[in-house]
């Protein structure tokens, strides 16, 4: 009897977690964030790969669902792949948001 209640509690917690993760993925900033902005926010020099990632993978939303094999084919080192994938996961979960580069006109 106790196992049945634990199983149902686990199932309800799991469904809450997955539904909140899906909601966070859809709530991720879409239009104003680019691949370059995302990689600059990650830091550690991964922004040097922005051009080839944008060319091969696509936009920011496609980067959020990219797997390590695609990044490996682009010639990105293991350490940098892990860093990019760690931050894409955080962004999908809604734990972390990349900074948006603001462009301002120079004062004259």
PDB file of N, CA and C in Angstrom:
ATOM      1  N   UNK A   1       0.825  -1.190   0.000  1.00  0.00           N
ATOM      2  CA  UNK A   1       0.000   0.000   0.000  1.00  0.00           C
ATOM      3  C   UNK A   1       0.865   1.248   0.000  1.00  0.00           C
ATOM      4  N   UNK A   2       1.945   1.230   0.779  1.00  0.00           N
ATOM      5  CA  UNK A   2       2.820   2.399   0.865  1.00  0.00           C
ATOM      6  C   UNK A   2       3.540   2.637  -0.453  1.00  0.00           C
ATOM      7  N   UNK A   3       3.903   1.566  -1.148  1.00  0.00           N
ATOM      8  CA  UNK A   3       4.590   1.722  -2.421  1.00  0.00           C
ATOM      9  C   UNK A   3       3.702   2.380  -3.470  1.00  0.00           C
ATOM     10  N   UNK A   4       2.455   2.085  -3.450  1.00  0.00           N
ATOM     11  CA  UNK A   4       1.526   2.658  -4.416  1.00  0.00           C
ATOM     12  C   UNK A   4       1.437   4.169  -4.210  1.00  0.00           C
ATOM     13  N   UNK A   5       1.378   4.638  -2.965  1.00  0.00           N
ATOM     14  CA  UNK A   5       1.272   6.079  -2.708  1.00  0.00           C
ATOM     15  C   UNK A   5       2.570   6.785  -3.076  1.00  0.00           C
ATOM     16  N   UNK A   6       3.713   6.140  -2.841  1.00  0.00           N
ATOM     17  CA  UNK A   6       4.994   6.726  -3.230  1.00  0.00           C
ATOM     18  C   UNK A   6       5.083   6.832  -4.743  1.00  0.00           C
ATOM     19  N   UNK A   7       4.633   5.807  -5.442  1.00  0.00           N
ATOM     20  CA  UNK A   7       4.660   5.820  -6.906  1.00  0.00           C
ATOM     21  C   UNK A   7       3.789   6.911  -7.481  1.00  0.00           C
ATOM     22  N   UNK A   8       2.607   7.096  -6.916  1.00  0.00           N
ATOM     23  CA  UNK A   8       1.720   8.133  -7.429  1.00  0.00           C
ATOM     24  C   UNK A   8       2.261   9.516  -7.098  1.00  0.00           C
ATOM     25  N   UNK A   9       2.910   9.670  -5.939  1.00  0.00           N
ATOM     26  CA  UNK A   9       3.521  10.950  -5.587  1.00  0.00           C
ATOM     27  C   UNK A   9       4.659  11.263  -6.548  1.00  0.00           C
ATOM     28  N   UNK A  10       5.472  10.262  -6.851  1.00  0.00           N
ATOM     29  CA  UNK A  10       6.566  10.454  -7.791  1.00  0.00           C
ATOM     30  C   UNK A  10       6.045  10.838  -9.167  1.00  0.00           C
ATOM     31  N   UNK A  11       4.982  10.187  -9.607  1.00  0.00           N
ATOM     32  CA  UNK A  11       4.415  10.483 -10.924  1.00  0.00           C
ATOM     33  C   UNK A  11       3.896  11.915 -10.976  1.00  0.00           C
ATOM     34  N   UNK A  12       3.257  12.372  -9.905  1.00  0.00           N
ATOM     35  CA  UNK A  12       2.741  13.740  -9.910  1.00  0.00           C
ATOM     36  C   UNK A  12       3.880  14.744  -9.894  1.00  0.00           C
ATOM     37  N   UNK A  13       4.952  14.463  -9.153  1.00  0.00           N
ATOM     38  CA  UNK A  13       6.111  15.361  -9.139  1.00  0.00           C
ATOM     39  C   UNK A  13       6.794  15.390 -10.498  1.00  0.00           C
ATOM     40  N   UNK A  14       6.908  14.237 -11.133  1.00  0.00           N
ATOM     41  CA  UNK A  14       7.548  14.168 -12.441  1.00  0.00           C
ATOM     42  C   UNK A  14       6.743  14.934 -13.480  1.00  0.00           C
ATOM     43  N   UNK A  15       5.432  14.805 -13.429  1.00  0.00           N
ATOM     44  CA  UNK A  15       4.612  15.524 -14.403  1.00  0.00           C
ATOM     45  C   UNK A  15       4.701  17.022 -14.193  1.00  0.00           C
ATOM     46  N   UNK A  16       4.793  17.465 -12.941  1.00  0.00           N
ATOM     47  CA  UNK A  16       4.960  18.900 -12.671  1.00  0.00           C
ATOM     48  C   UNK A  16       6.290  19.387 -13.194  1.00  0.00           C
ATOM     49  N   UNK A  17       7.340  18.605 -13.006  1.00  0.00           N
ATOM     50  CA  UNK A  17       8.667  19.015 -13.450  1.00  0.00           C
ATOM     51  C   UNK A  17       8.717  19.142 -14.969  1.00  0.00           C
ATOM     52  N   UNK A  18       8.192  18.150 -15.671  1.00  0.00           N
ATOM     53  CA  UNK A  18       8.252  18.186 -17.124  1.00  0.00           C
ATOM     54  C   UNK A  18       7.349  19.264 -17.700  1.00  0.00           C
ATOM     55  N   UNK A  19       6.218  19.499 -17.088  1.00  0.00           N
ATOM     56  CA  UNK A  19       5.338  20.549 -17.601  1.00  0.00           C
ATOM     57  C   UNK A  19       5.954  21.914 -17.363  1.00  0.00           C
ATOM     58  N   UNK A  20       6.640  22.110 -16.227  1.00  0.00           N
ATOM     59  CA  UNK A  20       7.275  23.398 -15.974  1.00  0.00           C
ATOM     60  C   UNK A  20       8.485  23.588 -16.882  1.00  0.00           C
ATOM     61  N   UNK A  21       9.190  22.502 -17.211  1.00  0.00           N
ATOM     62  CA  UNK A  21      10.321  22.609 -18.126  1.00  0.00           C
ATOM     63  C   UNK A  21       9.846  22.975 -19.527  1.00  0.00           C
ATOM     64  N   UNK A  22       8.720  22.409 -19.943  1.00  0.00           N
ATOM     65  CA  UNK A  22       8.178  22.744 -21.257  1.00  0.00           C
ATOM     66  C   UNK A  22       7.702  24.188 -21.289  1.00  0.00           C
ATOM     67  N   UNK A  23       7.106  24.642 -20.203  1.00  0.00           N
ATOM     68  CA  UNK A  23       6.657  26.039 -20.135  1.00  0.00           C
ATOM     69  C   UNK A  23       7.846  26.981 -20.144  1.00  0.00           C
ATOM     70  N   UNK A  24       8.924  26.614 -19.463  1.00  0.00           N
ATOM     71  CA  UNK A  24      10.112  27.457 -19.437  1.00  0.00           C
ATOM     72  C   UNK A  24      10.763  27.525 -20.807  1.00  0.00           C
ATOM     73  N   UNK A  25      10.733  26.410 -21.540  1.00  0.00           N
ATOM     74  CA  UNK A  25      11.316  26.409 -22.871  1.00  0.00           C
ATOM     75  C   UNK A  25      10.537  27.320 -23.801  1.00  0.00           C
ATOM     76  N   UNK A  26       9.229  27.345 -23.660  1.00  0.00           N
ATOM     77  CA  UNK A  26       8.441  28.217 -24.505  1.00  0.00           C
ATOM     78  C   UNK A  26       8.527  29.663 -24.042  1.00  0.00           C
ATOM     79  N   UNK A  27       8.879  29.884 -22.754  1.00  0.00           N
ATOM     80  CA  UNK A  27       8.985  31.231 -22.224  1.00  0.00           C
ATOM     81  C   UNK A  27      10.379  31.810 -22.418  1.00  0.00           C
ATOM     82  N   UNK A  28      11.287  31.043 -23.003  1.00  0.00           N
ATOM     83  CA  UNK A  28      12.643  31.529 -23.227  1.00  0.00           C
ATOM     84  C   UNK A  28      12.614  32.708 -24.197  1.00  0.00           C
ATOM     85  N   UNK A  29      13.484  33.684 -23.985  1.00  0.00           N
ATOM     86  CA  UNK A  29      13.491  34.841 -24.871  1.00  0.00           C
ATOM     87  C   UNK A  29      13.808  34.432 -26.294  1.00  0.00           C
ATOM     88  N   UNK A  30      13.003  34.873 -27.236  1.00  0.00           N
ATOM     89  CA  UNK A  30      13.139  34.361 -28.588  1.00  0.00           C
ATOM     90  C   UNK A  30      13.670  35.400 -29.556  1.00  0.00           C
ATOM     91  N   UNK A  31      12.927  36.470 -29.782  1.00  0.00           N
ATOM     92  CA  UNK A  31      13.229  37.383 -30.864  1.00  0.00           C
ATOM     93  C   UNK A  31      14.466  38.216 -30.672  1.00  0.00           C
ATOM     94  N   UNK A  32      14.702  38.700 -29.477  1.00  0.00           N
ATOM     95  CA  UNK A  32      15.781  39.650 -29.282  1.00  0.00           C
ATOM     96  C   UNK A  32      17.137  39.011 -29.033  1.00  0.00           C
ATOM     97  N   UNK A  33      17.188  37.730 -28.788  1.00  0.00           N
ATOM     98  CA  UNK A  33      18.442  37.044 -28.512  1.00  0.00           C
ATOM     99  C   UNK A  33      18.956  36.388 -29.785  1.00  0.00           C
ATOM    100  N   UNK A  34      20.214  36.609 -30.069  1.00  0.00           N
ATOM    101  CA  UNK A  34      20.849  35.962 -31.201  1.00  0.00           C
ATOM    102  C   UNK A  34      21.896  34.981 -30.718  1.00  0.00           C
ATOM    103  N   UNK A  35      22.457  34.252 -31.626  1.00  0.00           N
ATOM    104  CA  UNK A  35      23.490  33.268 -31.280  1.00  0.00           C
ATOM    105  C   UNK A  35      24.707  33.974 -30.698  1.00  0.00           C
ATOM    106  N   UNK A  36      25.092  35.092 -31.288  1.00  0.00           N
ATOM    107  CA  UNK A  36      26.260  35.834 -30.796  1.00  0.00           C
ATOM    108  C   UNK A  36      26.017  36.359 -29.389  1.00  0.00           C
ATOM    109  N   UNK A  37      24.820  36.899 -29.128  1.00  0.00           N
ATOM    110  CA  UNK A  37      24.492  37.388 -27.787  1.00  0.00           C
ATOM    111  C   UNK A  37      24.564  36.261 -26.766  1.00  0.00           C
ATOM    112  N   UNK A  38      24.019  35.107 -27.134  1.00  0.00           N
ATOM    113  CA  UNK A  38      24.029  33.960 -26.236  1.00  0.00           C
ATOM    114  C   UNK A  38      25.460  33.530 -25.918  1.00  0.00           C
ATOM    115  N   UNK A  39      26.281  33.387 -26.950  1.00  0.00           N
ATOM    116  CA  UNK A  39      27.644  32.903 -26.735  1.00  0.00           C
ATOM    117  C   UNK A  39      28.496  33.919 -25.987  1.00  0.00           C
ATOM    118  N   UNK A  40      28.257  35.206 -26.207  1.00  0.00           N
ATOM    119  CA  UNK A  40      28.983  36.229 -25.439  1.00  0.00           C
ATOM    120  C   UNK A  40      28.577  36.175 -23.971  1.00  0.00           C
ATOM    121  N   UNK A  41      27.318  35.892 -23.706  1.00  0.00           N
ATOM    122  CA  UNK A  41      26.852  35.789 -22.322  1.00  0.00           C
ATOM    123  C   UNK A  41      27.452  34.572 -21.626  1.00  0.00           C
ATOM    124  N   UNK A  42      27.666  33.509 -22.368  1.00  0.00           N
ATOM    125  CA  UNK A  42      28.282  32.312 -21.795  1.00  0.00           C
ATOM    126  C   UNK A  42      29.727  32.613 -21.395  1.00  0.00           C
ATOM    127  N   UNK A  43      30.446  33.343 -22.239  1.00  0.00           N
ATOM    128  CA  UNK A  43      31.821  33.711 -21.929  1.00  0.00           C
ATOM    129  C   UNK A  43      32.810  32.617 -22.274  1.00  0.00           C
ATOM    130  N   UNK A  44      33.973  32.669 -21.650  1.00  0.00           N
ATOM    131  CA  UNK A  44      35.043  31.676 -21.792  1.00  0.00           C
ATOM    132  C   UNK A  44      35.516  31.493 -23.232  1.00  0.00           C
ATOM    133  N   UNK A  45      35.314  32.489 -24.096  1.00  0.00           N
ATOM    134  CA  UNK A  45      35.831  32.425 -25.449  1.00  0.00           C
ATOM    135  C   UNK A  45      35.014  31.626 -26.439  1.00  0.00           C
ATOM    136  N   UNK A  46      33.804  31.218 -26.074  1.00  0.00           N
ATOM    137  CA  UNK A  46      32.999  30.438 -27.009  1.00  0.00           C
ATOM    138  C   UNK A  46      32.386  31.306 -28.096  1.00  0.00           C
ATOM    139  N   UNK A  47      32.445  32.612 -27.940  1.00  0.00           N
ATOM    140  CA  UNK A  47      31.862  33.501 -28.944  1.00  0.00           C
ATOM    141  C   UNK A  47      32.644  33.515 -30.248  1.00  0.00           C
ATOM    142  N   UNK A  48      33.844  32.947 -30.263  1.00  0.00           N
ATOM    143  CA  UNK A  48      34.602  32.874 -31.518  1.00  0.00           C
ATOM    144  C   UNK A  48      33.947  31.908 -32.503  1.00  0.00           C
ATOM    145  N   UNK A  49      33.084  31.033 -32.016  1.00  0.00           N
ATOM    146  CA  UNK A  49      32.402  30.058 -32.870  1.00  0.00           C
ATOM    147  C   UNK A  49      31.027  30.544 -33.331  1.00  0.00           C
ATOM    148  N   UNK A  50      30.682  31.766 -33.011  1.00  0.00           N
ATOM    149  CA  UNK A  50      29.324  32.273 -33.273  1.00  0.00           C
ATOM    150  C   UNK A  50      28.969  32.219 -34.752  1.00  0.00           C
ATOM    151  N   UNK A  51      29.893  32.599 -35.610  1.00  0.00           N
ATOM    152  CA  UNK A  51      29.590  32.653 -37.042  1.00  0.00           C
ATOM    153  C   UNK A  51      29.289  31.268 -37.607  1.00  0.00           C
ATOM    154  N   UNK A  52      30.134  30.287 -37.283  1.00  0.00           N
ATOM    155  CA  UNK A  52      29.899  28.960 -37.853  1.00  0.00           C
ATOM    156  C   UNK A  52      28.694  28.265 -37.212  1.00  0.00           C
ATOM    157  N   UNK A  53      28.404  28.561 -35.945  1.00  0.00           N
ATOM    158  CA  UNK A  53      27.207  27.991 -35.323  1.00  0.00           C
ATOM    159  C   UNK A  53      25.958  28.593 -35.958  1.00  0.00           C
ATOM    160  N   UNK A  54      25.962  29.914 -36.148  1.00  0.00           N
ATOM    161  CA  UNK A  54      24.808  30.573 -36.760  1.00  0.00           C
ATOM    162  C   UNK A  54      24.593  30.084 -38.191  1.00  0.00           C
ATOM    163  N   UNK A  55      25.692  29.834 -38.898  1.00  0.00           N
ATOM    164  CA  UNK A  55      25.603  29.383 -40.288  1.00  0.00           C
ATOM    165  C   UNK A  55      25.084  27.943 -40.378  1.00  0.00           C
ATOM    166  N   UNK A  56      25.609  27.050 -39.557  1.00  0.00           N
ATOM    167  CA  UNK A  56      25.277  25.628 -39.651  1.00  0.00           C
ATOM    168  C   UNK A  56      24.024  25.249 -38.859  1.00  0.00           C
ATOM    169  N   UNK A  57      23.880  25.770 -37.645  1.00  0.00           N
ATOM    170  CA  UNK A  57      22.773  25.376 -36.778  1.00  0.00           C
ATOM    171  C   UNK A  57      21.540  26.211 -37.063  1.00  0.00           C
ATOM    172  N   UNK A  58      21.719  27.503 -37.185  1.00  0.00           N
ATOM    173  CA  UNK A  58      20.590  28.401 -37.411  1.00  0.00           C
ATOM    174  C   UNK A  58      20.531  29.450 -36.321  1.00  0.00           C
ATOM    175  N   UNK A  59      19.335  29.773 -35.877  1.00  0.00           N
ATOM    176  CA  UNK A  59      19.133  30.812 -34.887  1.00  0.00           C
ATOM    177  C   UNK A  59      19.217  30.310 -33.455  1.00  0.00           C
ATOM    178  N   UNK A  60      18.793  31.173 -32.569  1.00  0.00           N
ATOM    179  CA  UNK A  60      18.862  30.894 -31.135  1.00  0.00           C
ATOM    180  C   UNK A  60      17.993  29.711 -30.738  1.00  0.00           C
ATOM    181  N   UNK A  61      16.777  29.624 -31.258  1.00  0.00           N
ATOM    182  CA  UNK A  61      15.881  28.526 -30.903  1.00  0.00           C
ATOM    183  C   UNK A  61      16.434  27.175 -31.359  1.00  0.00           C
ATOM    184  N   UNK A  62      17.087  27.153 -32.505  1.00  0.00           N
ATOM    185  CA  UNK A  62      17.693  25.908 -32.981  1.00  0.00           C
ATOM    186  C   UNK A  62      18.900  25.534 -32.125  1.00  0.00           C
ATOM    187  N   UNK A  63      19.627  26.539 -31.634  1.00  0.00           N
ATOM    188  CA  UNK A  63      20.777  26.274 -30.769  1.00  0.00           C
ATOM    189  C   UNK A  63      20.329  25.634 -29.455  1.00  0.00           C
ATOM    190  N   UNK A  64      19.151  25.999 -28.968  1.00  0.00           N
ATOM    191  CA  UNK A  64      18.664  25.443 -27.711  1.00  0.00           C
ATOM    192  C   UNK A  64      18.401  23.941 -27.790  1.00  0.00           C
ATOM    193  N   UNK A  65      18.163  23.407 -28.977  1.00  0.00           N
ATOM    194  CA  UNK A  65      17.889  21.981 -29.114  1.00  0.00           C
ATOM    195  C   UNK A  65      19.012  21.234 -29.842  1.00  0.00           C
ATOM    196  N   UNK A  66      20.132  21.895 -30.047  1.00  0.00           N
ATOM    197  CA  UNK A  66      21.269  21.268 -30.718  1.00  0.00           C
ATOM    198  C   UNK A  66      21.959  20.287 -29.783  1.00  0.00           C
ATOM    199  N   UNK A  67      22.412  19.189 -30.344  1.00  0.00           N
ATOM    200  CA  UNK A  67      23.110  18.175 -29.558  1.00  0.00           C
ATOM    201  C   UNK A  67      24.618  18.282 -29.764  1.00  0.00           C
ATOM    202  N   UNK A  68      25.338  17.575 -28.936  1.00  0.00           N
ATOM    203  CA  UNK A  68      26.787  17.675 -28.928  1.00  0.00           C
ATOM    204  C   UNK A  68      27.417  17.198 -30.234  1.00  0.00           C
ATOM    205  N   UNK A  69      26.805  16.238 -30.894  1.00  0.00           N
ATOM    206  CA  UNK A  69      27.361  15.706 -32.137  1.00  0.00           C
ATOM    207  C   UNK A  69      27.434  16.788 -33.214  1.00  0.00           C
ATOM    208  N   UNK A  70      26.411  17.630 -33.297  1.00  0.00           N
ATOM    209  CA  UNK A  70      26.411  18.710 -34.288  1.00  0.00           C
ATOM    210  C   UNK A  70      27.495  19.735 -33.978  1.00  0.00           C
ATOM    211  N   UNK A  71      27.701  20.023 -32.703  1.00  0.00           N
ATOM    212  CA  UNK A  71      28.754  20.971 -32.322  1.00  0.00           C
ATOM    213  C   UNK A  71      30.139  20.370 -32.557  1.00  0.00           C
ATOM    214  N   UNK A  72      30.262  19.061 -32.380  1.00  0.00           N
ATOM    215  CA  UNK A  72      31.537  18.393 -32.612  1.00  0.00           C
ATOM    216  C   UNK A  72      31.911  18.436 -34.093  1.00  0.00           C
ATOM    217  N   UNK A  73      30.905  18.290 -34.964  1.00  0.00           N
ATOM    218  CA  UNK A  73      31.159  18.348 -36.398  1.00  0.00           C
ATOM    219  C   UNK A  73      31.655  19.726 -36.832  1.00  0.00           C
ATOM    220  N   UNK A  74      31.325  20.751 -36.050  1.00  0.00           N
ATOM    221  CA  UNK A  74      31.780  22.106 -36.361  1.00  0.00           C
ATOM    222  C   UNK A  74      33.204  22.371 -35.873  1.00  0.00           C
ATOM    223  N   UNK A  75      33.778  21.432 -35.158  1.00  0.00           N
ATOM    224  CA  UNK A  75      35.156  21.586 -34.707  1.00  0.00           C
ATOM    225  C   UNK A  75      35.290  22.316 -33.382  1.00  0.00           C
ATOM    226  N   UNK A  76      34.245  22.318 -32.577  1.00  0.00           N
ATOM    227  CA  UNK A  76      34.275  22.982 -31.274  1.00  0.00           C
ATOM    228  C   UNK A  76      34.837  21.989 -30.260  1.00  0.00           C
ATOM    229  N   UNK A  77      35.751  22.469 -29.421  1.00  0.00           N
ATOM    230  CA  UNK A  77      36.407  21.585 -28.463  1.00  0.00           C
ATOM    231  C   UNK A  77      35.408  21.041 -27.443  1.00  0.00           C
ATOM    232  N   UNK A  78      35.782  19.947 -26.813  1.00  0.00           N
ATOM    233  CA  UNK A  78      34.908  19.269 -25.856  1.00  0.00           C
ATOM    234  C   UNK A  78      34.532  20.194 -24.704  1.00  0.00           C
ATOM    235  N   UNK A  79      35.490  20.902 -24.167  1.00  0.00           N
ATOM    236  CA  UNK A  79      35.245  21.791 -23.042  1.00  0.00           C
ATOM    237  C   UNK A  79      34.241  22.884 -23.412  1.00  0.00           C
ATOM    238  N   UNK A  80      34.384  23.446 -24.612  1.00  0.00           N
ATOM    239  CA  UNK A  80      33.474  24.496 -25.047  1.00  0.00           C
ATOM    240  C   UNK A  80      32.098  23.934 -25.405  1.00  0.00           C
ATOM    241  N   UNK A  81      32.047  22.723 -25.955  1.00  0.00           N
ATOM    242  CA  UNK A  81      30.750  22.084 -26.221  1.00  0.00           C
ATOM    243  C   UNK A  81      29.980  21.873 -24.932  1.00  0.00           C
ATOM    244  N   UNK A  82      30.666  21.373 -23.912  1.00  0.00           N
ATOM    245  CA  UNK A  82      30.021  21.143 -22.627  1.00  0.00           C
ATOM    246  C   UNK A  82      29.496  22.443 -22.034  1.00  0.00           C
ATOM    247  N   UNK A  83      30.266  23.497 -22.179  1.00  0.00           N
ATOM    248  CA  UNK A  83      29.854  24.797 -21.656  1.00  0.00           C
ATOM    249  C   UNK A  83      28.617  25.320 -22.385  1.00  0.00           C
ATOM    250  N   UNK A  84      28.632  25.232 -23.702  1.00  0.00           N
ATOM    251  CA  UNK A  84      27.481  25.685 -24.497  1.00  0.00           C
ATOM    252  C   UNK A  84      26.248  24.874 -24.146  1.00  0.00           C
ATOM    253  N   UNK A  85      26.382  23.561 -24.070  1.00  0.00           N
ATOM    254  CA  UNK A  85      25.236  22.702 -23.779  1.00  0.00           C
ATOM    255  C   UNK A  85      24.719  22.898 -22.357  1.00  0.00           C
ATOM    256  N   UNK A  86      25.621  23.176 -21.418  1.00  0.00           N
ATOM    257  CA  UNK A  86      25.197  23.427 -20.045  1.00  0.00           C
ATOM    258  C   UNK A  86      24.322  24.680 -19.977  1.00  0.00           C
ATOM    259  N   UNK A  87      24.742  25.731 -20.695  1.00  0.00           N
ATOM    260  CA  UNK A  87      23.978  26.976 -20.655  1.00  0.00           C
ATOM    261  C   UNK A  87      22.704  26.902 -21.494  1.00  0.00           C
ATOM    262  N   UNK A  88      22.689  26.105 -22.551  1.00  0.00           N
ATOM    263  CA  UNK A  88      21.428  25.933 -23.283  1.00  0.00           C
ATOM    264  C   UNK A  88      20.409  25.208 -22.414  1.00  0.00           C
ATOM    265  N   UNK A  89      20.864  24.241 -21.625  1.00  0.00           N
ATOM    266  CA  UNK A  89      19.967  23.537 -20.709  1.00  0.00           C
ATOM    267  C   UNK A  89      19.422  24.483 -19.655  1.00  0.00           C
ATOM    268  N   UNK A  90      20.289  25.320 -19.090  1.00  0.00           N
ATOM    269  CA  UNK A  90      19.842  26.288 -18.087  1.00  0.00           C
ATOM    270  C   UNK A  90      18.838  27.259 -18.683  1.00  0.00           C
ATOM    271  N   UNK A  91      19.058  27.651 -19.922  1.00  0.00           N
ATOM    272  CA  UNK A  91      18.158  28.581 -20.591  1.00  0.00           C
ATOM    273  C   UNK A  91      16.804  27.927 -20.862  1.00  0.00           C
ATOM    274  N   UNK A  92      16.813  26.671 -21.283  1.00  0.00           N
ATOM    275  CA  UNK A  92      15.556  25.946 -21.512  1.00  0.00           C
ATOM    276  C   UNK A  92      14.757  25.796 -20.234  1.00  0.00           C
ATOM    277  N   UNK A  93      15.450  25.573 -19.114  1.00  0.00           N
ATOM    278  CA  UNK A  93      14.774  25.398 -17.835  1.00  0.00           C
ATOM    279  C   UNK A  93      14.309  26.718 -17.235  1.00  0.00           C
ATOM    280  N   UNK A  94      14.788  27.830 -17.772  1.00  0.00           N
ATOM    281  CA  UNK A  94      14.408  29.136 -17.254  1.00  0.00           C
ATOM    282  C   UNK A  94      15.218  29.581 -16.056  1.00  0.00           C
ATOM    283  N   UNK A  95      16.335  28.910 -15.802  1.00  0.00           N
ATOM    284  CA  UNK A  95      17.181  29.242 -14.665  1.00  0.00           C
ATOM    285  C   UNK A  95      18.114  30.404 -14.994  1.00  0.00           C
ATOM    286  N   UNK A  96      18.517  30.517 -16.234  1.00  0.00           N
ATOM    287  CA  UNK A  96      19.489  31.506 -16.674  1.00  0.00           C
ATOM    288  C   UNK A  96      19.006  32.153 -17.965  1.00  0.00           C
ATOM    289  N   UNK A  97      19.232  33.462 -18.080  1.00  0.00           N
ATOM    290  CA  UNK A  97      18.880  34.167 -19.309  1.00  0.00           C
ATOM    291  C   UNK A  97      20.119  34.878 -19.838  1.00  0.00           C
ATOM    292  N   UNK A  98      20.362  34.785 -21.134  1.00  0.00           N
ATOM    293  CA  UNK A  98      21.517  35.481 -21.700  1.00  0.00           C
ATOM    294  C   UNK A  98      21.277  36.987 -21.724  1.00  0.00           C
ATOM    295  N   UNK A  99      22.369  37.720 -21.644  1.00  0.00           N
ATOM    296  CA  UNK A  99      22.283  39.173 -21.711  1.00  0.00           C
ATOM    297  C   UNK A  99      22.110  39.584 -23.159  1.00  0.00           C
ATOM    298  N   UNK A 100      21.302  40.600 -23.371  1.00  0.00           N
ATOM    299  CA  UNK A 100      21.082  41.121 -24.711  1.00  0.00           C
ATOM    300  C   UNK A 100      22.024  42.292 -24.912  1.00  0.00           C
ATOM    301  N   UNK A 101      22.758  42.249 -26.003  1.00  0.00           N
ATOM    302  CA  UNK A 101      23.672  43.349 -26.310  1.00  0.00           C
ATOM    303  C   UNK A 101      22.847  44.552 -26.738  1.00  0.00           C
ATOM    304  N   UNK A 102      22.994  45.627 -26.020  1.00  0.00           N
ATOM    305  CA  UNK A 102      22.266  46.855 -26.384  1.00  0.00           C
ATOM    306  C   UNK A 102      23.136  47.684 -27.289  1.00  0.00           C
ATOM    307  N   UNK A 103      22.555  48.134 -28.360  1.00  0.00           N
ATOM    308  CA  UNK A 103      23.288  48.977 -29.289  1.00  0.00           C
ATOM    309  C   UNK A 103      22.789  50.400 -29.140  1.00  0.00           C
ATOM    310  N   UNK A 104      23.688  51.276 -28.806  1.00  0.00           N
ATOM    311  CA  UNK A 104      23.338  52.683 -28.657  1.00  0.00           C
ATOM    312  C   UNK A 104      24.146  53.491 -29.644  1.00  0.00           C
ATOM    313  N   UNK A 105      23.563  54.565 -30.071  1.00  0.00           N
ATOM    314  CA  UNK A 105      24.240  55.453 -31.018  1.00  0.00           C
ATOM    315  C   UNK A 105      25.321  56.234 -30.270  1.00  0.00           C
ATOM    316  N   UNK A 106      26.479  56.395 -30.899  1.00  0.00           N
ATOM    317  CA  UNK A 106      27.546  57.131 -30.231  1.00  0.00           C
ATOM    318  C   UNK A 106      27.170  58.617 -30.100  1.00  0.00           C
ATOM    319  N   UNK A 107      27.591  59.230 -28.981  1.00  0.00           N
ATOM    320  CA  UNK A 107      27.306  60.647 -28.761  1.00  0.00           C
ATOM    321  C   UNK A 107      28.188  61.492 -29.655  1.00  0.00           C
ATOM    322  N   UNK A 108      27.612  62.581 -30.125  1.00  0.00           N
ATOM    323  CA  UNK A 108      28.401  63.442 -31.017  1.00  0.00           C
ATOM    324  C   UNK A 108      28.710  64.756 -30.366  1.00  0.00           C
TER     325      UNK A 108
END
